[in-house]
Amino acid sequence: MKYTAFLGVRFEPEWFLMDPADRDGFEAEHVFPILGKHSPFLHIRPFRAAAFGARHTNFFLVHFDDVPAYNGLVEDLRESPLMARRFVTITDNFIGIEETYQADGAE
């Protein structure tokens, strides 16, 4: 089966208080290695949201065939300095099955 997850996140004020160059370095050291580790199993599409007053500042659509592989990404992000230092909060995490009517066997 093919799955897609909506992973909504909110970058907290502490993140934006960092110098942009420091944010880039932080991502290179702590975030991109996690995404690279999971990229053979997941197709990750990042989006910026209209963040003023919104629940999410960013969201990701993640396409995958293996739910445990997706859960591994979420666990690695939760255990990363990005979330441990409270720079980012996961605001929503929904998983859907593509073409549900076919998955259910209906025609």
C-alpha atoms as a PDB file:
ATOM      1  CA  MET A   1       0.000   0.000   0.000  1.00  0.00           C
ATOM      2  CA  LYS A   2       1.014   3.569  -0.573  1.00  0.00           C
ATOM      3  CA  TYR A   3       0.740   6.005   2.304  1.00  0.00           C
ATOM      4  CA  THR A   4       1.033   9.756   2.645  1.00  0.00           C
ATOM      5  CA  ALA A   5       1.542  11.565   5.932  1.00  0.00           C
ATOM      6  CA  PHE A   6       0.876  15.188   6.731  1.00  0.00           C
ATOM      7  CA  LEU A   7       3.434  16.276   9.315  1.00  0.00           C
ATOM      8  CA  GLY A   8       2.660  19.779  10.550  1.00  0.00           C
ATOM      9  CA  VAL A   9       5.308  21.642  12.544  1.00  0.00           C
ATOM     10  CA  ARG A  10       5.639  24.996  14.228  1.00  0.00           C
ATOM     11  CA  PHE A  11       9.023  26.678  14.475  1.00  0.00           C
ATOM     12  CA  GLU A  12       9.112  28.371  17.862  1.00  0.00           C
ATOM     13  CA  PRO A  13      10.350  31.939  18.549  1.00  0.00           C
ATOM     14  CA  GLU A  14      13.660  30.582  19.884  1.00  0.00           C
ATOM     15  CA  TRP A  15      14.417  29.298  16.382  1.00  0.00           C
ATOM     16  CA  PHE A  16      13.846  32.681  14.794  1.00  0.00           C
ATOM     17  CA  LEU A  17      15.964  34.414  17.432  1.00  0.00           C
ATOM     18  CA  MET A  18      18.978  32.510  16.092  1.00  0.00           C
ATOM     19  CA  ASP A  19      21.106  34.139  13.423  1.00  0.00           C
ATOM     20  CA  PRO A  20      20.165  32.718   9.977  1.00  0.00           C
ATOM     21  CA  ALA A  21      23.705  31.397   9.481  1.00  0.00           C
ATOM     22  CA  ASP A  22      23.485  29.587  12.832  1.00  0.00           C
ATOM     23  CA  ARG A  23      20.143  28.069  11.811  1.00  0.00           C
ATOM     24  CA  ASP A  24      21.692  26.850   8.552  1.00  0.00           C
ATOM     25  CA  GLY A  25      24.580  25.282  10.461  1.00  0.00           C
ATOM     26  CA  PHE A  26      22.242  23.681  12.974  1.00  0.00           C
ATOM     27  CA  GLU A  27      20.162  22.139  10.186  1.00  0.00           C
ATOM     28  CA  ALA A  28      23.274  20.860   8.434  1.00  0.00           C
ATOM     29  CA  GLU A  29      24.520  19.235  11.626  1.00  0.00           C
ATOM     30  CA  HIS A  30      21.302  17.932  13.189  1.00  0.00           C
ATOM     31  CA  VAL A  31      18.426  17.835  10.669  1.00  0.00           C
ATOM     32  CA  PHE A  32      19.753  17.006   7.211  1.00  0.00           C
ATOM     33  CA  PRO A  33      21.529  13.831   8.406  1.00  0.00           C
ATOM     34  CA  ILE A  34      18.192  12.527   9.727  1.00  0.00           C
ATOM     35  CA  LEU A  35      16.422  13.343   6.463  1.00  0.00           C
ATOM     36  CA  GLY A  36      19.274  11.737   4.498  1.00  0.00           C
ATOM     37  CA  LYS A  37      19.107   8.591   6.621  1.00  0.00           C
ATOM     38  CA  HIS A  38      15.426   8.146   5.782  1.00  0.00           C
ATOM     39  CA  SER A  39      15.426   9.386   2.173  1.00  0.00           C
ATOM     40  CA  PRO A  40      15.896   5.909   0.641  1.00  0.00           C
ATOM     41  CA  PHE A  41      12.556   4.860   2.183  1.00  0.00           C
ATOM     42  CA  LEU A  42      10.557   8.101   2.225  1.00  0.00           C
ATOM     43  CA  HIS A  43       9.796  10.860  -0.261  1.00  0.00           C
ATOM     44  CA  ILE A  44       9.665  14.074   1.791  1.00  0.00           C
ATOM     45  CA  ARG A  45       8.126  17.263   0.350  1.00  0.00           C
ATOM     46  CA  PRO A  46       8.574  20.405   2.505  1.00  0.00           C
ATOM     47  CA  PHE A  47       6.177  23.366   2.456  1.00  0.00           C
ATOM     48  CA  ARG A  48       6.035  26.738   4.197  1.00  0.00           C
ATOM     49  CA  ALA A  49       2.633  27.655   5.579  1.00  0.00           C
ATOM     50  CA  ALA A  50       1.063  31.067   6.028  1.00  0.00           C
ATOM     51  CA  ALA A  51       2.370  31.268   9.575  1.00  0.00           C
ATOM     52  CA  PHE A  52       0.802  34.419  10.959  1.00  0.00           C
ATOM     53  CA  GLY A  53      -1.682  33.154  13.497  1.00  0.00           C
ATOM     54  CA  ALA A  54      -1.675  29.675  11.955  1.00  0.00           C
ATOM     55  CA  ARG A  55      -1.182  26.419  13.802  1.00  0.00           C
ATOM     56  CA  HIS A  56       1.697  25.402  11.514  1.00  0.00           C
ATOM     57  CA  THR A  57       4.634  27.417  10.219  1.00  0.00           C
ATOM     58  CA  ASN A  58       5.667  24.556   7.946  1.00  0.00           C
ATOM     59  CA  PHE A  59       4.402  21.165   6.927  1.00  0.00           C
ATOM     60  CA  PHE A  60       5.702  18.107   5.134  1.00  0.00           C
ATOM     61  CA  LEU A  61       3.980  15.617   2.891  1.00  0.00           C
ATOM     62  CA  VAL A  62       5.777  12.320   3.285  1.00  0.00           C
ATOM     63  CA  HIS A  63       5.099   9.496   0.829  1.00  0.00           C
ATOM     64  CA  PHE A  64       6.042   5.934   1.782  1.00  0.00           C
ATOM     65  CA  ASP A  65       5.172   2.251   1.524  1.00  0.00           C
ATOM     66  CA  ASP A  66       6.350   1.167   4.980  1.00  0.00           C
ATOM     67  CA  VAL A  67       4.741   2.637   8.126  1.00  0.00           C
ATOM     68  CA  PRO A  68       7.617   1.600  10.436  1.00  0.00           C
ATOM     69  CA  ALA A  69      10.019   3.527   8.162  1.00  0.00           C
ATOM     70  CA  TYR A  70       7.920   6.669   8.611  1.00  0.00           C
ATOM     71  CA  ASN A  71       7.689   6.110  12.360  1.00  0.00           C
ATOM     72  CA  GLY A  72      11.486   5.878  12.415  1.00  0.00           C
ATOM     73  CA  LEU A  73      11.725   9.354  10.901  1.00  0.00           C
ATOM     74  CA  VAL A  74       9.332  10.811  13.472  1.00  0.00           C
ATOM     75  CA  GLU A  75      11.189   9.123  16.351  1.00  0.00           C
ATOM     76  CA  ASP A  76      14.556  10.375  15.099  1.00  0.00           C
ATOM     77  CA  LEU A  77      13.160  13.907  14.844  1.00  0.00           C
ATOM     78  CA  ARG A  78      11.686  13.696  18.359  1.00  0.00           C
ATOM     79  CA  GLU A  79      15.047  12.631  19.768  1.00  0.00           C
ATOM     80  CA  SER A  80      17.003  15.262  17.847  1.00  0.00           C
ATOM     81  CA  PRO A  81      18.337  18.533  19.298  1.00  0.00           C
ATOM     82  CA  LEU A  82      15.860  20.334  17.031  1.00  0.00           C
ATOM     83  CA  MET A  83      12.969  19.147  19.180  1.00  0.00           C
ATOM     84  CA  ALA A  84      14.829  18.542  22.445  1.00  0.00           C
ATOM     85  CA  ARG A  85      15.811  22.211  22.532  1.00  0.00           C
ATOM     86  CA  ARG A  86      12.200  23.100  21.665  1.00  0.00           C
ATOM     87  CA  PHE A  87      13.021  24.890  18.430  1.00  0.00           C
ATOM     88  CA  VAL A  88      10.203  22.963  16.707  1.00  0.00           C
ATOM     89  CA  THR A  89       6.932  21.403  17.831  1.00  0.00           C
ATOM     90  CA  ILE A  90       5.060  18.746  15.859  1.00  0.00           C
ATOM     91  CA  THR A  91       1.534  20.150  15.627  1.00  0.00           C
ATOM     92  CA  ASP A  92      -0.178  17.436  13.555  1.00  0.00           C
ATOM     93  CA  ASN A  93       0.679  14.008  12.230  1.00  0.00           C
ATOM     94  CA  PHE A  94      -1.881  12.317   9.947  1.00  0.00           C
ATOM     95  CA  ILE A  95      -1.370   9.208   7.838  1.00  0.00           C
ATOM     96  CA  GLY A  96      -3.626   8.299   4.922  1.00  0.00           C
ATOM     97  CA  ILE A  97      -3.789   5.397   2.506  1.00  0.00           C
ATOM     98  CA  GLU A  98      -3.735   6.254  -1.185  1.00  0.00           C
ATOM     99  CA  GLU A  99      -6.783   5.119  -3.166  1.00  0.00           C
ATOM    100  CA  THR A 100      -8.585   3.636  -0.182  1.00  0.00           C
ATOM    101  CA  TYR A 101     -11.344   2.157  -2.309  1.00  0.00           C
ATOM    102  CA  GLN A 102      -8.775  -0.077  -4.035  1.00  0.00           C
ATOM    103  CA  ALA A 103      -7.105  -0.943  -0.719  1.00  0.00           C
ATOM    104  CA  ASP A 104     -10.486  -2.081   0.632  1.00  0.00           C
ATOM    105  CA  GLY A 105     -11.095  -4.303  -2.391  1.00  0.00           C
ATOM    106  CA  ALA A 106     -14.092  -2.296  -3.634  1.00  0.00           C
ATOM    107  CA  GLU A 107     -14.445  -1.477  -7.297  1.00  0.00           C
END
